[in-house]
mmCIF file of all heavy atoms, coordinates in Angstrom:
data_MODEL
# 
_entry.id   MODEL 
# 
loop_
_atom_site.group_PDB 
_atom_site.id 
_atom_site.type_symbol 
_atom_site.label_atom_id 
_atom_site.label_alt_id 
_atom_site.label_comp_id 
_atom_site.label_asym_id 
_atom_site.label_entity_id 
_atom_site.label_seq_id 
_atom_site.pdbx_PDB_ins_code 
_atom_site.Cartn_x 
_atom_site.Cartn_y 
_atom_site.Cartn_z 
_atom_site.occupancy 
_atom_site.B_iso_or_equiv 
_atom_site.pdbx_formal_charge 
_atom_site.auth_seq_id 
_atom_site.auth_comp_id 
_atom_site.auth_asym_id 
_atom_site.auth_atom_id 
_atom_site.pdbx_PDB_model_num 
ATOM 1   N N   . LYS A 1 1  ? 0.869   -1.181  0.000   1.00 0.00 ? 1  LYS A N   1 
ATOM 2   C CA  . LYS A 1 1  ? 0.000   0.000   0.000   1.00 0.00 ? 1  LYS A CA  1 
ATOM 3   C C   . LYS A 1 1  ? 0.898   1.219   0.000   1.00 0.00 ? 1  LYS A C   1 
ATOM 4   O O   . LYS A 1 1  ? 1.704   1.383   0.900   1.00 0.00 ? 1  LYS A O   1 
ATOM 5   C CB  . LYS A 1 1  ? -0.889  -0.007  1.228   1.00 0.00 ? 1  LYS A CB  1 
ATOM 6   C CG  . LYS A 1 1  ? -1.799  -1.212  1.285   1.00 0.00 ? 1  LYS A CG  1 
ATOM 7   C CD  . LYS A 1 1  ? -2.598  -1.190  2.571   1.00 0.00 ? 1  LYS A CD  1 
ATOM 8   C CE  . LYS A 1 1  ? -3.330  -2.480  2.716   1.00 0.00 ? 1  LYS A CE  1 
ATOM 9   N NZ  . LYS A 1 1  ? -2.688  -3.426  3.604   1.00 0.00 ? 1  LYS A NZ  1 
ATOM 10  N N   . VAL A 1 2  ? 0.753   2.046   -1.010  1.00 0.00 ? 2  VAL A N   1 
ATOM 11  C CA  . VAL A 1 2  ? 1.619   3.212   -1.158  1.00 0.00 ? 2  VAL A CA  1 
ATOM 12  C C   . VAL A 1 2  ? 0.788   4.471   -1.023  1.00 0.00 ? 2  VAL A C   1 
ATOM 13  O O   . VAL A 1 2  ? -0.311  4.551   -1.556  1.00 0.00 ? 2  VAL A O   1 
ATOM 14  C CB  . VAL A 1 2  ? 2.321   3.176   -2.537  1.00 0.00 ? 2  VAL A CB  1 
ATOM 15  C CG1 . VAL A 1 2  ? 3.189   4.396   -2.731  1.00 0.00 ? 2  VAL A CG1 1 
ATOM 16  C CG2 . VAL A 1 2  ? 3.142   1.914   -2.673  1.00 0.00 ? 2  VAL A CG2 1 
ATOM 17  N N   . ASP A 1 3  ? 1.332   5.463   -0.323  1.00 0.00 ? 3  ASP A N   1 
ATOM 18  C CA  . ASP A 1 3  ? 0.673   6.754   -0.186  1.00 0.00 ? 3  ASP A CA  1 
ATOM 19  C C   . ASP A 1 3  ? 0.578   7.402   -1.570  1.00 0.00 ? 3  ASP A C   1 
ATOM 20  O O   . ASP A 1 3  ? 1.579   7.799   -2.150  1.00 0.00 ? 3  ASP A O   1 
ATOM 21  C CB  . ASP A 1 3  ? 1.476   7.631   0.770   1.00 0.00 ? 3  ASP A CB  1 
ATOM 22  C CG  . ASP A 1 3  ? 0.871   9.015   0.923   1.00 0.00 ? 3  ASP A CG  1 
ATOM 23  O OD1 . ASP A 1 3  ? -0.197  9.272   0.357   1.00 0.00 ? 3  ASP A OD1 1 
ATOM 24  O OD2 . ASP A 1 3  ? 1.480   9.828   1.616   1.00 0.00 ? 3  ASP A OD2 1 
ATOM 25  N N   . SER A 1 4  ? -0.638  7.500   -2.098  1.00 0.00 ? 4  SER A N   1 
ATOM 26  C CA  . SER A 1 4  ? -0.821  8.014   -3.460  1.00 0.00 ? 4  SER A CA  1 
ATOM 27  C C   . SER A 1 4  ? -0.405  9.480   -3.588  1.00 0.00 ? 4  SER A C   1 
ATOM 28  O O   . SER A 1 4  ? -0.069  9.933   -4.673  1.00 0.00 ? 4  SER A O   1 
ATOM 29  C CB  . SER A 1 4  ? -2.274  7.845   -3.900  1.00 0.00 ? 4  SER A CB  1 
ATOM 30  O OG  . SER A 1 4  ? -3.135  8.509   -3.006  1.00 0.00 ? 4  SER A OG  1 
ATOM 31  N N   . GLY A 1 5  ? -0.383  10.216  -2.477  1.00 0.00 ? 5  GLY A N   1 
ATOM 32  C CA  . GLY A 1 5  ? 0.048   11.608  -2.539  1.00 0.00 ? 5  GLY A CA  1 
ATOM 33  C C   . GLY A 1 5  ? 1.527   11.742  -2.837  1.00 0.00 ? 5  GLY A C   1 
ATOM 34  O O   . GLY A 1 5  ? 1.931   12.566  -3.641  1.00 0.00 ? 5  GLY A O   1 
ATOM 35  N N   . SER A 1 6  ? 2.352   10.912  -2.209  1.00 0.00 ? 6  SER A N   1 
ATOM 36  C CA  . SER A 1 6  ? 3.800   11.047  -2.396  1.00 0.00 ? 6  SER A CA  1 
ATOM 37  C C   . SER A 1 6  ? 4.352   10.173  -3.512  1.00 0.00 ? 6  SER A C   1 
ATOM 38  O O   . SER A 1 6  ? 5.395   10.463  -4.059  1.00 0.00 ? 6  SER A O   1 
ATOM 39  C CB  . SER A 1 6  ? 4.524   10.723  -1.087  1.00 0.00 ? 6  SER A CB  1 
ATOM 40  O OG  . SER A 1 6  ? 4.280   9.393   -0.728  1.00 0.00 ? 6  SER A OG  1 
ATOM 41  N N   . LEU A 1 7  ? 3.640   9.096   -3.851  1.00 0.00 ? 7  LEU A N   1 
ATOM 42  C CA  . LEU A 1 7  ? 4.147   8.187   -4.879  1.00 0.00 ? 7  LEU A CA  1 
ATOM 43  C C   . LEU A 1 7  ? 3.045   7.848   -5.875  1.00 0.00 ? 7  LEU A C   1 
ATOM 44  O O   . LEU A 1 7  ? 2.786   6.691   -6.169  1.00 0.00 ? 7  LEU A O   1 
ATOM 45  C CB  . LEU A 1 7  ? 4.674   6.905   -4.231  1.00 0.00 ? 7  LEU A CB  1 
ATOM 46  C CG  . LEU A 1 7  ? 5.841   7.083   -3.274  1.00 0.00 ? 7  LEU A CG  1 
ATOM 47  C CD1 . LEU A 1 7  ? 6.067   5.828   -2.472  1.00 0.00 ? 7  LEU A CD1 1 
ATOM 48  C CD2 . LEU A 1 7  ? 7.093   7.450   -4.012  1.00 0.00 ? 7  LEU A CD2 1 
ATOM 49  N N   . ALA A 1 8  ? 2.416   8.863   -6.439  1.00 0.00 ? 8  ALA A N   1 
ATOM 50  C CA  . ALA A 1 8  ? 1.253   8.670   -7.309  1.00 0.00 ? 8  ALA A CA  1 
ATOM 51  C C   . ALA A 1 8  ? 1.548   7.784   -8.509  1.00 0.00 ? 8  ALA A C   1 
ATOM 52  O O   . ALA A 1 8  ? 0.689   7.019   -8.938  1.00 0.00 ? 8  ALA A O   1 
ATOM 53  C CB  . ALA A 1 8  ? 0.736   10.025  -7.787  1.00 0.00 ? 8  ALA A CB  1 
ATOM 54  N N   . SER A 1 9  ? 2.725   7.848   -9.053  1.00 0.00 ? 9  SER A N   1 
ATOM 55  C CA  . SER A 1 9  ? 3.031   7.075   -10.258 1.00 0.00 ? 9  SER A CA  1 
ATOM 56  C C   . SER A 1 9  ? 2.964   5.574   -10.015 1.00 0.00 ? 9  SER A C   1 
ATOM 57  O O   . SER A 1 9  ? 2.716   4.811   -10.933 1.00 0.00 ? 9  SER A O   1 
ATOM 58  C CB  . SER A 1 9  ? 4.403   7.444   -10.800 1.00 0.00 ? 9  SER A CB  1 
ATOM 59  O OG  . SER A 1 9  ? 5.394   7.091   -9.872  1.00 0.00 ? 9  SER A OG  1 
ATOM 60  N N   . LEU A 1 10 ? 3.185   5.141   -8.767  1.00 0.00 ? 10 LEU A N   1 
ATOM 61  C CA  . LEU A 1 10 ? 3.147   3.713   -8.488  1.00 0.00 ? 10 LEU A CA  1 
ATOM 62  C C   . LEU A 1 10 ? 1.735   3.194   -8.277  1.00 0.00 ? 10 LEU A C   1 
ATOM 63  O O   . LEU A 1 10 ? 1.501   2.015   -8.394  1.00 0.00 ? 10 LEU A O   1 
ATOM 64  C CB  . LEU A 1 10 ? 3.966   3.401   -7.231  1.00 0.00 ? 10 LEU A CB  1 
ATOM 65  C CG  . LEU A 1 10 ? 5.461   3.539   -7.363  1.00 0.00 ? 10 LEU A CG  1 
ATOM 66  C CD1 . LEU A 1 10 ? 6.119   3.237   -6.034  1.00 0.00 ? 10 LEU A CD1 1 
ATOM 67  C CD2 . LEU A 1 10 ? 6.004   2.620   -8.433  1.00 0.00 ? 10 LEU A CD2 1 
ATOM 68  N N   . THR A 1 11 ? 0.790   4.069   -7.967  1.00 0.00 ? 11 THR A N   1 
ATOM 69  C CA  . THR A 1 11 ? -0.545  3.603   -7.625  1.00 0.00 ? 11 THR A CA  1 
ATOM 70  C C   . THR A 1 11 ? -1.509  3.626   -8.804  1.00 0.00 ? 11 THR A C   1 
ATOM 71  O O   . THR A 1 11 ? -2.613  3.127   -8.700  1.00 0.00 ? 11 THR A O   1 
ATOM 72  C CB  . THR A 1 11 ? -1.141  4.455   -6.481  1.00 0.00 ? 11 THR A CB  1 
ATOM 73  O OG1 . THR A 1 11 ? -1.165  5.819   -6.900  1.00 0.00 ? 11 THR A OG1 1 
ATOM 74  C CG2 . THR A 1 11 ? -0.329  4.303   -5.220  1.00 0.00 ? 11 THR A CG2 1 
ATOM 75  N N   . ASN A 1 12 ? -1.118  4.188   -9.933  1.00 0.00 ? 12 ASN A N   1 
ATOM 76  C CA  . ASN A 1 12 ? -2.025  4.283   -11.076 1.00 0.00 ? 12 ASN A CA  1 
ATOM 77  C C   . ASN A 1 12 ? -2.511  2.943   -11.570 1.00 0.00 ? 12 ASN A C   1 
ATOM 78  O O   . ASN A 1 12 ? -3.663  2.793   -11.959 1.00 0.00 ? 12 ASN A O   1 
ATOM 79  C CB  . ASN A 1 12 ? -1.350  5.037   -12.229 1.00 0.00 ? 12 ASN A CB  1 
ATOM 80  C CG  . ASN A 1 12 ? -1.158  6.498   -11.889 1.00 0.00 ? 12 ASN A CG  1 
ATOM 81  O OD1 . ASN A 1 12 ? -1.827  7.029   -11.012 1.00 0.00 ? 12 ASN A OD1 1 
ATOM 82  N ND2 . ASN A 1 12 ? -0.245  7.149   -12.575 1.00 0.00 ? 12 ASN A ND2 1 
ATOM 83  N N   . ASP A 1 13 ? -1.635  1.920   -11.583 1.00 0.00 ? 13 ASP A N   1 
ATOM 84  C CA  . ASP A 1 13 ? -1.974  0.618   -12.131 1.00 0.00 ? 13 ASP A CA  1 
ATOM 85  C C   . ASP A 1 13 ? -2.477  -0.365  -11.083 1.00 0.00 ? 13 ASP A C   1 
ATOM 86  O O   . ASP A 1 13 ? -2.690  -1.513  -11.375 1.00 0.00 ? 13 ASP A O   1 
ATOM 87  C CB  . ASP A 1 13 ? -0.751  -0.006  -12.822 1.00 0.00 ? 13 ASP A CB  1 
ATOM 88  C CG  . ASP A 1 13 ? -0.243  0.877   -13.934 1.00 0.00 ? 13 ASP A CG  1 
ATOM 89  O OD1 . ASP A 1 13 ? -1.067  1.552   -14.566 1.00 0.00 ? 13 ASP A OD1 1 
ATOM 90  O OD2 . ASP A 1 13 ? 0.976   0.892   -14.157 1.00 0.00 ? 13 ASP A OD2 1 
ATOM 91  N N   . ARG A 1 14 ? -2.642  0.055   -9.859  1.00 0.00 ? 14 ARG A N   1 
ATOM 92  C CA  . ARG A 1 14 ? -2.924  -0.890  -8.784  1.00 0.00 ? 14 ARG A CA  1 
ATOM 93  C C   . ARG A 1 14 ? -4.359  -1.350  -8.772  1.00 0.00 ? 14 ARG A C   1 
ATOM 94  O O   . ARG A 1 14 ? -5.286  -0.599  -8.977  1.00 0.00 ? 14 ARG A O   1 
ATOM 95  C CB  . ARG A 1 14 ? -2.606  -0.244  -7.445  1.00 0.00 ? 14 ARG A CB  1 
ATOM 96  C CG  . ARG A 1 14 ? -1.115  -0.043  -7.323  1.00 0.00 ? 14 ARG A CG  1 
ATOM 97  C CD  . ARG A 1 14 ? -0.681  0.161   -5.955  1.00 0.00 ? 14 ARG A CD  1 
ATOM 98  N NE  . ARG A 1 14 ? -1.247  -0.829  -5.101  1.00 0.00 ? 14 ARG A NE  1 
ATOM 99  C CZ  . ARG A 1 14 ? -1.140  -0.789  -3.805  1.00 0.00 ? 14 ARG A CZ  1 
ATOM 100 N NH1 . ARG A 1 14 ? -0.510  0.157   -3.245  1.00 0.00 ? 14 ARG A NH1 1 
ATOM 101 N NH2 . ARG A 1 14 ? -1.689  -1.709  -3.060  1.00 0.00 ? 14 ARG A NH2 1 
ATOM 102 N N   . SER A 1 15 ? -4.523  -2.617  -8.485  1.00 0.00 ? 15 SER A N   1 
ATOM 103 C CA  . SER A 1 15 ? -5.836  -3.192  -8.230  1.00 0.00 ? 15 SER A CA  1 
ATOM 104 C C   . SER A 1 15 ? -6.087  -3.062  -6.740  1.00 0.00 ? 15 SER A C   1 
ATOM 105 O O   . SER A 1 15 ? -5.226  -3.413  -5.944  1.00 0.00 ? 15 SER A O   1 
ATOM 106 C CB  . SER A 1 15 ? -5.848  -4.666  -8.632  1.00 0.00 ? 15 SER A CB  1 
ATOM 107 O OG  . SER A 1 15 ? -6.941  -5.310  -8.045  1.00 0.00 ? 15 SER A OG  1 
ATOM 108 N N   . HIS A 1 16 ? -7.248  -2.563  -6.354  1.00 0.00 ? 16 HIS A N   1 
ATOM 109 C CA  . HIS A 1 16 ? -7.514  -2.335  -4.939  1.00 0.00 ? 16 HIS A CA  1 
ATOM 110 C C   . HIS A 1 16 ? -8.258  -3.487  -4.293  1.00 0.00 ? 16 HIS A C   1 
ATOM 111 O O   . HIS A 1 16 ? -8.650  -3.400  -3.140  1.00 0.00 ? 16 HIS A O   1 
ATOM 112 C CB  . HIS A 1 16 ? -8.297  -1.031  -4.754  1.00 0.00 ? 16 HIS A CB  1 
ATOM 113 C CG  . HIS A 1 16 ? -7.508  0.157   -5.210  1.00 0.00 ? 16 HIS A CG  1 
ATOM 114 N ND1 . HIS A 1 16 ? -6.443  0.645   -4.502  1.00 0.00 ? 16 HIS A ND1 1 
ATOM 115 C CD2 . HIS A 1 16 ? -7.592  0.912   -6.337  1.00 0.00 ? 16 HIS A CD2 1 
ATOM 116 C CE1 . HIS A 1 16 ? -5.923  1.689   -5.140  1.00 0.00 ? 16 HIS A CE1 1 
ATOM 117 N NE2 . HIS A 1 16 ? -6.594  1.856   -6.255  1.00 0.00 ? 16 HIS A NE2 1 
ATOM 118 N N   . VAL A 1 17 ? -8.423  -4.588  -5.018  1.00 0.00 ? 17 VAL A N   1 
ATOM 119 C CA  . VAL A 1 17 ? -9.155  -5.728  -4.467  1.00 0.00 ? 17 VAL A CA  1 
ATOM 120 C C   . VAL A 1 17 ? -8.463  -6.252  -3.224  1.00 0.00 ? 17 VAL A C   1 
ATOM 121 O O   . VAL A 1 17 ? -9.080  -6.413  -2.172  1.00 0.00 ? 17 VAL A O   1 
ATOM 122 C CB  . VAL A 1 17 ? -9.290  -6.849  -5.528  1.00 0.00 ? 17 VAL A CB  1 
ATOM 123 C CG1 . VAL A 1 17 ? -9.953  -8.065  -4.932  1.00 0.00 ? 17 VAL A CG1 1 
ATOM 124 C CG2 . VAL A 1 17 ? -10.076 -6.350  -6.726  1.00 0.00 ? 17 VAL A CG2 1 
ATOM 125 N N   . ALA A 1 18 ? -7.149  -6.535  -3.330  1.00 0.00 ? 18 ALA A N   1 
ATOM 126 C CA  . ALA A 1 18 ? -6.424  -7.091  -2.199  1.00 0.00 ? 18 ALA A CA  1 
ATOM 127 C C   . ALA A 1 18 ? -6.368  -6.100  -1.051  1.00 0.00 ? 18 ALA A C   1 
ATOM 128 O O   . ALA A 1 18 ? -6.541  -6.468  0.105   1.00 0.00 ? 18 ALA A O   1 
ATOM 129 C CB  . ALA A 1 18 ? -5.014  -7.493  -2.611  1.00 0.00 ? 18 ALA A CB  1 
ATOM 130 N N   . SER A 1 19 ? -6.142  -4.822  -1.352  1.00 0.00 ? 19 SER A N   1 
ATOM 131 C CA  . SER A 1 19 ? -6.063  -3.805  -0.305  1.00 0.00 ? 19 SER A CA  1 
ATOM 132 C C   . SER A 1 19 ? -7.378  -3.677  0.445   1.00 0.00 ? 19 SER A C   1 
ATOM 133 O O   . SER A 1 19 ? -7.400  -3.553  1.658   1.00 0.00 ? 19 SER A O   1 
ATOM 134 C CB  . SER A 1 19 ? -5.694  -2.455  -0.919  1.00 0.00 ? 19 SER A CB  1 
ATOM 135 O OG  . SER A 1 19 ? -4.415  -2.516  -1.495  1.00 0.00 ? 19 SER A OG  1 
ATOM 136 N N   . ASP A 1 20 ? -8.489  -3.707  -0.291  1.00 0.00 ? 20 ASP A N   1 
ATOM 137 C CA  . ASP A 1 20 ? -9.802  -3.611  0.348   1.00 0.00 ? 20 ASP A CA  1 
ATOM 138 C C   . ASP A 1 20 ? -10.062 -4.804  1.244   1.00 0.00 ? 20 ASP A C   1 
ATOM 139 O O   . ASP A 1 20 ? -10.618 -4.667  2.338   1.00 0.00 ? 20 ASP A O   1 
ATOM 140 C CB  . ASP A 1 20 ? -10.906 -3.500  -0.709  1.00 0.00 ? 20 ASP A CB  1 
ATOM 141 C CG  . ASP A 1 20 ? -10.853 -2.177  -1.461  1.00 0.00 ? 20 ASP A CG  1 
ATOM 142 O OD1 . ASP A 1 20 ? -10.180 -1.251  -0.971  1.00 0.00 ? 20 ASP A OD1 1 
ATOM 143 O OD2 . ASP A 1 20 ? -11.472 -2.085  -2.535  1.00 0.00 ? 20 ASP A OD2 1 
ATOM 144 N N   . THR A 1 21 ? -9.649  -5.993  0.792   1.00 0.00 ? 21 THR A N   1 
ATOM 145 C CA  . THR A 1 21 ? -9.852  -7.194  1.586   1.00 0.00 ? 21 THR A CA  1 
ATOM 146 C C   . THR A 1 21 ? -9.067  -7.112  2.881   1.00 0.00 ? 21 THR A C   1 
ATOM 147 O O   . THR A 1 21 ? -9.603  -7.365  3.963   1.00 0.00 ? 21 THR A O   1 
ATOM 148 C CB  . THR A 1 21 ? -9.407  -8.445  0.793   1.00 0.00 ? 21 THR A CB  1 
ATOM 149 O OG1 . THR A 1 21 ? -10.106 -8.468  -0.442  1.00 0.00 ? 21 THR A OG1 1 
ATOM 150 C CG2 . THR A 1 21 ? -9.680  -9.722  1.566   1.00 0.00 ? 21 THR A CG2 1 
ATOM 151 N N   . ILE A 1 22 ? -7.799  -6.759  2.791   1.00 0.00 ? 22 ILE A N   1 
ATOM 152 C CA  . ILE A 1 22 ? -6.956  -6.647  3.981   1.00 0.00 ? 22 ILE A CA  1 
ATOM 153 C C   . ILE A 1 22 ? -7.486  -5.561  4.903   1.00 0.00 ? 22 ILE A C   1 
ATOM 154 O O   . ILE A 1 22 ? -7.552  -5.737  6.110   1.00 0.00 ? 22 ILE A O   1 
ATOM 155 C CB  . ILE A 1 22 ? -5.495  -6.343  3.594   1.00 0.00 ? 22 ILE A CB  1 
ATOM 156 C CG1 . ILE A 1 22 ? -4.889  -7.522  2.841   1.00 0.00 ? 22 ILE A CG1 1 
ATOM 157 C CG2 . ILE A 1 22 ? -4.653  -6.006  4.807   1.00 0.00 ? 22 ILE A CG2 1 
ATOM 158 C CD1 . ILE A 1 22 ? -4.772  -8.780  3.658   1.00 0.00 ? 22 ILE A CD1 1 
ATOM 159 N N   . HIS A 1 23 ? -7.889  -4.416  4.321   1.00 0.00 ? 23 HIS A N   1 
ATOM 160 C CA  . HIS A 1 23 ? -8.393  -3.308  5.127   1.00 0.00 ? 23 HIS A CA  1 
ATOM 161 C C   . HIS A 1 23 ? -9.620  -3.731  5.933   1.00 0.00 ? 23 HIS A C   1 
ATOM 162 O O   . HIS A 1 23 ? -9.747  -3.398  7.095   1.00 0.00 ? 23 HIS A O   1 
ATOM 163 C CB  . HIS A 1 23 ? -8.717  -2.109  4.243   1.00 0.00 ? 23 HIS A CB  1 
ATOM 164 C CG  . HIS A 1 23 ? -9.225  -0.940  5.022   1.00 0.00 ? 23 HIS A CG  1 
ATOM 165 N ND1 . HIS A 1 23 ? -8.416  -0.215  5.865   1.00 0.00 ? 23 HIS A ND1 1 
ATOM 166 C CD2 . HIS A 1 23 ? -10.463 -0.399  5.109   1.00 0.00 ? 23 HIS A CD2 1 
ATOM 167 C CE1 . HIS A 1 23 ? -9.137  0.735   6.442   1.00 0.00 ? 23 HIS A CE1 1 
ATOM 168 N NE2 . HIS A 1 23 ? -10.366 0.644   5.999   1.00 0.00 ? 23 HIS A NE2 1 
ATOM 169 N N   . SER A 1 24 ? -10.516 -4.491  5.317   1.00 0.00 ? 24 SER A N   1 
ATOM 170 C CA  . SER A 1 24 ? -11.722 -4.911  6.023   1.00 0.00 ? 24 SER A CA  1 
ATOM 171 C C   . SER A 1 24 ? -11.383 -5.858  7.170   1.00 0.00 ? 24 SER A C   1 
ATOM 172 O O   . SER A 1 24 ? -12.004 -5.825  8.223   1.00 0.00 ? 24 SER A O   1 
ATOM 173 C CB  . SER A 1 24 ? -12.723 -5.558  5.070   1.00 0.00 ? 24 SER A CB  1 
ATOM 174 O OG  . SER A 1 24 ? -12.203 -6.758  4.559   1.00 0.00 ? 24 SER A OG  1 
ATOM 175 N N   . ILE A 1 25 ? -10.366 -6.706  6.977   1.00 0.00 ? 25 ILE A N   1 
ATOM 176 C CA  . ILE A 1 25 ? -9.949  -7.621  8.038   1.00 0.00 ? 25 ILE A CA  1 
ATOM 177 C C   . ILE A 1 25 ? -9.329  -6.848  9.186   1.00 0.00 ? 25 ILE A C   1 
ATOM 178 O O   . ILE A 1 25 ? -9.642  -7.083  10.347  1.00 0.00 ? 25 ILE A O   1 
ATOM 179 C CB  . ILE A 1 25 ? -8.958  -8.661  7.483   1.00 0.00 ? 25 ILE A CB  1 
ATOM 180 C CG1 . ILE A 1 25 ? -9.700  -9.594  6.536   1.00 0.00 ? 25 ILE A CG1 1 
ATOM 181 C CG2 . ILE A 1 25 ? -8.300  -9.455  8.597   1.00 0.00 ? 25 ILE A CG2 1 
ATOM 182 C CD1 . ILE A 1 25 ? -8.809  -10.333 5.598   1.00 0.00 ? 25 ILE A CD1 1 
# 
């Protein structure tokens, strides 16, 4: 999980499925 404010170029292609799953847990 990367801070989109400081490293926006890395988050453009990211799928948020895994992040959402982990966040809910």
